[in-house]
Amino acid sequence: MKSFIKKRFKKTLAILLLLFVALFIFRLIYGYQTVNEPTLSNVLSEMVDMSYEVRKNYASKKYQLNSGLTPINVDQKYEKIADINTLTTKFDIEEKQIRAQVKDFEGLIQFENKSGNKGNRRLNLVIGIPPDNFDSIYNSLIEVGKIQSKQITKTDKTNEYKELNAKKASLEKIRTSLIELKAKGGRIDEYMQLENRILEIEQQLQELGVSLGNFDDENEFCTVKVALSEVRILEISTLQRVKVALEWTLKYYALLLIGLSFASLLAYLILLSAEKIKTSI
């Protein structure tokens, strides 16, 4: 009897020991597989504001719309913007890679902001890209670093372009009429009022000229915004990993034993109650 109890005790002890070792090995492997990285919200909160006033980039697309008997020629004006947020542990290498791609795809850096110390640097670029190269550079840039977010937004600007042209034509007519009226002569105060009004219209026409200049075919660009943020790889020593794994194993092993003990006690009480009921019957 004692030999039987001794064997059962050794067997139970071996099983419990194996369970402890299994839990420890599981937690140690899990620790090596997981990598602590900053969350997207933390990275984006540190990024430099890229909403600075830079030149608006517009492009055009000419096509025929088959509506009815006569095809309609459409000259669409649009704004296309790509936003790319990426993390890197090789900041210098991947910064050079981005700049090389801008050059290869005939892009123009319209805004640049670089900040932070080594290990926590950030690069923000606003790039003007010829429309034909937009998709190519976008697909190339999303391969740099570890992408956290990316999106492309395309907005039709045809009506805005037409409205600007209509406003320009209207102002030019008013200016011509005022110049003709000024040539007829009159009182000095009326002459001065006409002159001031003509100057106001000239100023509005200049502002319109700048806005319309963004739509010129020779200035056509799409926009790519790139935010490259440097992060450090968290180095954890083997001793630290063993310590964390051991603490975790002890905690959950103790909870497991307590749970098994309560389950065994409950099962014993249920069996004891069942036996008493059976005996009484």
Protein backbone atom coordinates (compact mmCIF):
# COMPACT_ATOMS: atom_id res chain seq x y z
CA MET A 1 0.00 0.00 0.00
CA LYS A 2 2.80 2.36 0.93
CA SER A 3 4.63 1.44 -2.28
CA PHE A 4 1.47 2.23 -4.30
CA ILE A 5 1.02 5.60 -2.57
CA LYS A 6 4.69 6.39 -3.09
CA LYS A 7 4.45 5.61 -6.82
CA ARG A 8 1.29 7.70 -7.19
CA PHE A 9 2.96 10.57 -5.34
CA LYS A 10 6.03 10.44 -7.59
CA LYS A 11 3.86 10.27 -10.70
CA THR A 12 1.74 13.24 -9.61
CA LEU A 13 4.85 15.21 -8.69
CA ALA A 14 6.40 14.46 -12.11
CA ILE A 15 3.23 15.60 -13.90
CA LEU A 16 3.10 18.83 -11.89
CA LEU A 17 6.79 19.47 -12.56
CA LEU A 18 6.34 18.85 -16.30
CA LEU A 19 3.37 21.22 -16.30
CA PHE A 20 5.48 23.92 -14.63
CA VAL A 21 8.32 23.45 -17.13
CA ALA A 22 5.86 23.52 -20.05
CA LEU A 23 4.34 26.79 -18.85
CA PHE A 24 7.79 28.30 -18.35
CA ILE A 25 9.00 27.30 -21.83
CA PHE A 26 5.75 28.58 -23.40
CA ARG A 27 6.14 32.02 -21.74
CA LEU A 28 9.83 32.23 -22.67
CA ILE A 29 9.14 31.47 -26.35
CA TYR A 30 6.23 33.93 -26.36
CA GLY A 31 8.54 36.64 -24.99
CA TYR A 32 10.98 36.12 -27.86
CA GLN A 33 8.23 36.19 -30.47
CA THR A 34 6.61 39.44 -29.36
CA VAL A 35 8.21 42.83 -30.13
CA ASN A 36 7.18 45.99 -28.34
CA GLU A 37 6.48 48.78 -30.85
CA PRO A 38 4.94 52.23 -30.44
CA THR A 39 1.25 52.35 -31.26
CA LEU A 40 -0.04 54.25 -34.28
CA SER A 41 -1.70 56.89 -32.10
CA ASN A 42 1.56 57.60 -30.26
CA VAL A 43 3.50 58.01 -33.49
CA LEU A 44 0.91 60.23 -35.17
CA SER A 45 0.68 62.48 -32.11
CA GLU A 46 4.39 63.18 -32.42
CA MET A 47 4.35 63.93 -36.14
CA VAL A 48 4.96 67.46 -37.34
CA ASP A 49 1.93 69.29 -38.67
CA MET A 50 2.08 69.06 -42.46
CA SER A 51 -0.81 71.44 -43.15
CA TYR A 52 1.54 74.28 -44.06
CA GLU A 53 0.46 76.42 -46.98
CA VAL A 54 2.24 74.97 -49.98
CA ARG A 55 1.47 75.19 -53.67
CA LYS A 56 -1.74 73.38 -54.63
CA ASN A 57 -1.14 70.59 -57.09
CA TYR A 58 -3.72 69.86 -59.78
CA ALA A 59 -3.80 67.58 -62.80
CA SER A 60 -6.09 67.12 -65.79
CA LYS A 61 -7.55 64.24 -67.72
CA LYS A 62 -9.05 64.58 -71.19
CA TYR A 63 -11.58 62.02 -72.39
CA GLN A 64 -14.76 61.68 -74.47
CA LEU A 65 -18.14 61.14 -72.86
CA ASN A 66 -20.49 59.26 -75.19
CA SER A 67 -23.82 60.85 -74.33
CA GLY A 68 -26.44 60.83 -77.06
CA LEU A 69 -25.48 61.19 -80.71
CA THR A 70 -22.60 63.63 -80.27
CA PRO A 71 -19.60 62.68 -78.08
CA ILE A 72 -18.69 65.33 -75.51
CA ASN A 73 -15.05 66.24 -74.91
CA VAL A 74 -14.37 66.51 -71.18
CA ASP A 75 -11.34 68.22 -69.67
CA GLN A 76 -11.42 67.14 -66.03
CA LYS A 77 -9.33 68.96 -63.43
CA TYR A 78 -8.61 67.05 -60.24
CA GLU A 79 -6.52 67.02 -57.09
CA LYS A 80 -4.94 63.70 -56.08
CA ILE A 81 -3.17 63.29 -52.73
CA ALA A 82 -1.45 60.26 -51.17
CA ASP A 83 -0.70 60.17 -47.43
CA ILE A 84 1.91 57.66 -46.23
CA ASN A 85 2.94 57.21 -42.58
CA THR A 86 5.74 54.74 -41.94
CA LEU A 87 8.10 53.62 -39.17
CA THR A 88 11.74 52.74 -39.62
CA THR A 89 14.71 51.42 -37.67
CA LYS A 90 17.05 52.36 -40.55
CA PHE A 91 16.33 56.06 -40.80
CA ASP A 92 19.40 57.20 -42.79
CA ILE A 93 19.17 54.38 -45.32
CA GLU A 94 15.45 54.75 -45.94
CA GLU A 95 15.61 58.56 -46.09
CA LYS A 96 18.13 58.22 -48.93
CA GLN A 97 15.87 55.63 -50.56
CA ILE A 98 12.89 58.01 -50.49
CA ARG A 99 14.90 60.91 -51.91
CA ALA A 100 16.28 58.66 -54.66
CA GLN A 101 12.75 57.60 -55.60
CA VAL A 102 11.63 61.23 -55.77
CA LYS A 103 14.45 61.87 -58.23
CA ASP A 104 13.81 58.69 -60.23
CA PHE A 105 10.12 59.51 -60.69
CA GLU A 106 10.80 63.17 -61.57
CA GLY A 107 9.24 64.51 -58.40
CA LEU A 108 9.71 67.87 -56.73
CA ILE A 109 10.02 68.29 -52.95
CA GLN A 110 7.70 71.23 -52.18
CA PHE A 111 7.90 71.08 -48.39
CA GLU A 112 10.39 69.43 -46.02
CA ASN A 113 10.63 69.21 -42.25
CA LYS A 114 13.21 67.11 -40.42
CA SER A 115 13.42 67.07 -36.62
CA GLY A 116 14.44 65.07 -33.55
CA ASN A 117 17.63 63.48 -32.25
CA LYS A 118 19.12 60.16 -33.39
CA GLY A 119 16.82 57.35 -32.41
CA ASN A 120 13.78 59.60 -32.49
CA ARG A 121 14.01 61.46 -35.79
CA ARG A 122 11.13 62.40 -38.09
CA LEU A 123 11.07 63.40 -41.74
CA ASN A 124 8.01 65.00 -43.33
CA LEU A 125 7.92 65.60 -47.07
CA VAL A 126 5.32 67.03 -49.45
CA ILE A 127 6.22 65.91 -52.97
CA GLY A 128 4.82 67.08 -56.29
CA ILE A 129 4.72 64.16 -58.76
CA PRO A 130 3.81 64.12 -62.47
CA PRO A 131 0.41 62.39 -62.77
CA ASP A 132 1.79 59.58 -64.94
CA ASN A 133 4.29 58.65 -62.20
CA PHE A 134 1.90 58.92 -59.24
CA ASP A 135 0.94 55.24 -58.96
CA SER A 136 4.52 54.06 -59.50
CA ILE A 137 6.05 56.19 -56.74
CA TYR A 138 3.16 55.40 -54.39
CA ASN A 139 3.66 51.63 -54.82
CA SER A 140 7.39 52.12 -54.35
CA LEU A 141 7.14 54.27 -51.20
CA ILE A 142 4.77 51.91 -49.38
CA GLU A 143 7.57 49.32 -49.49
CA VAL A 144 9.80 51.57 -47.36
CA GLY A 145 9.89 50.87 -43.61
CA LYS A 146 6.85 49.49 -41.81
CA ILE A 147 3.68 51.18 -43.06
CA GLN A 148 1.33 52.39 -40.34
CA SER A 149 -1.25 54.09 -42.55
CA LYS A 150 -1.75 54.92 -46.20
CA GLN A 151 -4.51 56.46 -48.27
CA ILE A 152 -5.18 58.11 -51.61
CA THR A 153 -7.72 60.93 -51.99
CA LYS A 154 -8.91 62.19 -55.37
CA THR A 155 -11.10 65.30 -55.59
CA ASP A 156 -12.70 66.68 -58.75
CA LYS A 157 -11.82 70.37 -59.29
CA THR A 158 -13.44 70.91 -62.71
CA ASN A 159 -16.25 73.13 -61.41
CA GLU A 160 -13.82 75.18 -59.35
CA TYR A 161 -11.66 75.70 -62.44
CA LYS A 162 -14.68 76.80 -64.50
CA GLU A 163 -15.81 79.18 -61.76
CA LEU A 164 -12.38 80.80 -61.62
CA ASN A 165 -12.36 81.27 -65.40
CA ALA A 166 -15.88 82.72 -65.32
CA LYS A 167 -14.93 85.12 -62.55
CA LYS A 168 -11.81 86.16 -64.47
CA ALA A 169 -13.86 86.86 -67.63
CA SER A 170 -16.40 88.87 -65.62
CA LEU A 171 -13.70 90.99 -63.94
CA GLU A 172 -11.99 91.63 -67.27
CA LYS A 173 -15.28 92.93 -68.73
CA ILE A 174 -15.80 95.20 -65.73
CA ARG A 175 -12.25 96.50 -65.99
CA THR A 176 -12.70 97.26 -69.72
CA SER A 177 -15.95 99.10 -69.01
CA LEU A 178 -14.37 101.16 -66.22
CA ILE A 179 -11.39 102.07 -68.39
CA GLU A 180 -13.73 103.23 -71.16
CA LEU A 181 -15.77 105.21 -68.62
CA LYS A 182 -12.63 106.81 -67.23
CA ALA A 183 -11.65 107.97 -70.74
CA LYS A 184 -14.82 110.06 -71.01
CA GLY A 185 -13.62 112.39 -68.27
CA GLY A 186 -15.55 113.87 -65.37
CA ARG A 187 -15.03 115.26 -61.91
CA ILE A 188 -11.82 114.57 -60.03
CA ASP A 189 -13.53 112.63 -57.23
CA GLU A 190 -15.33 110.41 -59.76
CA TYR A 191 -12.07 109.90 -61.61
CA MET A 192 -10.33 108.83 -58.38
CA GLN A 193 -13.12 106.43 -57.47
CA LEU A 194 -12.89 104.82 -60.91
CA GLU A 195 -9.11 104.56 -60.58
CA ASN A 196 -9.39 102.89 -57.17
CA ARG A 197 -11.99 100.48 -58.47
CA ILE A 198 -9.78 99.56 -61.43
CA LEU A 199 -6.87 98.91 -59.06
CA GLU A 200 -9.06 96.63 -56.92
CA ILE A 201 -10.08 94.65 -59.99
CA GLU A 202 -6.44 94.43 -61.13
CA GLN A 203 -5.51 92.97 -57.73
CA GLN A 204 -8.35 90.43 -57.91
CA LEU A 205 -7.25 89.45 -61.42
CA GLN A 206 -3.69 88.89 -60.19
CA GLU A 207 -4.94 86.63 -57.39
CA LEU A 208 -7.08 84.74 -59.89
CA GLY A 209 -4.07 84.43 -62.16
CA VAL A 210 -2.11 82.73 -59.36
CA SER A 211 -4.99 80.31 -58.66
CA LEU A 212 -5.49 79.53 -62.33
CA GLY A 213 -1.75 79.11 -62.77
CA ASN A 214 -1.94 76.01 -60.55
CA PHE A 215 -4.20 74.45 -63.20
CA ASP A 216 -1.81 75.06 -66.13
CA ASP A 217 -0.94 71.91 -68.06
CA GLU A 218 2.79 72.63 -67.74
CA ASN A 219 2.48 72.79 -63.92
CA GLU A 220 0.49 69.59 -63.50
CA PHE A 221 1.36 67.61 -60.36
CA CYS A 222 -0.20 65.18 -57.94
CA THR A 223 0.77 65.29 -54.26
CA VAL A 224 2.47 62.65 -52.13
CA LYS A 225 2.87 63.31 -48.39
CA VAL A 226 5.39 61.10 -46.62
CA ALA A 227 5.99 60.94 -42.85
CA LEU A 228 8.99 58.79 -41.88
CA SER A 229 9.38 58.24 -38.11
CA GLU A 230 12.39 56.56 -36.51
CA VAL A 231 11.84 54.00 -33.75
CA ARG A 232 14.26 51.94 -31.67
CA ILE A 233 14.21 48.16 -31.34
CA LEU A 234 13.66 47.25 -27.70
CA GLU A 235 16.64 45.14 -26.60
CA ILE A 236 15.82 42.71 -23.75
CA SER A 237 18.54 40.59 -22.15
CA THR A 238 18.16 36.82 -21.81
CA LEU A 239 18.32 37.12 -18.01
CA GLN A 240 15.44 39.62 -18.05
CA ARG A 241 13.39 37.32 -20.29
CA VAL A 242 14.01 34.36 -17.95
CA LYS A 243 13.04 36.49 -14.92
CA VAL A 244 9.78 37.66 -16.52
CA ALA A 245 8.95 34.13 -17.73
CA LEU A 246 9.63 32.67 -14.24
CA GLU A 247 7.48 35.30 -12.49
CA TRP A 248 4.64 34.73 -14.95
CA THR A 249 4.90 30.92 -14.59
CA LEU A 250 4.87 31.02 -10.78
CA LYS A 251 1.84 33.28 -10.76
CA TYR A 252 -0.29 31.31 -13.19
CA TYR A 253 0.98 27.92 -11.98
CA ALA A 254 -0.17 28.80 -8.46
CA LEU A 255 -3.56 29.92 -9.81
CA LEU A 256 -3.81 26.67 -11.80
CA LEU A 257 -3.04 24.52 -8.73
CA ILE A 258 -5.59 26.42 -6.64
CA GLY A 259 -8.17 25.93 -9.37
CA LEU A 260 -7.40 22.20 -9.64
CA SER A 261 -7.57 21.87 -5.84
CA PHE A 262 -11.01 23.50 -5.70
CA ALA A 263 -12.19 21.38 -8.64
CA SER A 264 -10.94 18.19 -6.92
CA LEU A 265 -12.58 19.17 -3.64
CA LEU A 266 -15.85 19.92 -5.40
CA ALA A 267 -15.72 16.62 -7.26
CA TYR A 268 -15.02 14.77 -3.98
CA LEU A 269 -17.95 16.46 -2.23
CA ILE A 270 -20.27 15.66 -5.14
CA LEU A 271 -19.18 12.00 -5.14
CA LEU A 272 -19.51 11.83 -1.33
CA SER A 273 -23.00 13.31 -1.48
CA ALA A 274 -23.99 10.93 -4.26
CA GLU A 275 -22.69 7.97 -2.23
CA LYS A 276 -24.67 9.04 0.87
CA ILE A 277 -27.84 9.47 -1.18
CA LYS A 278 -27.32 6.06 -2.75
CA THR A 279 -26.74 4.45 0.66
CA SER A 280 -29.85 6.06 2.15
CA ILE A 281 -31.98 4.85 -0.72
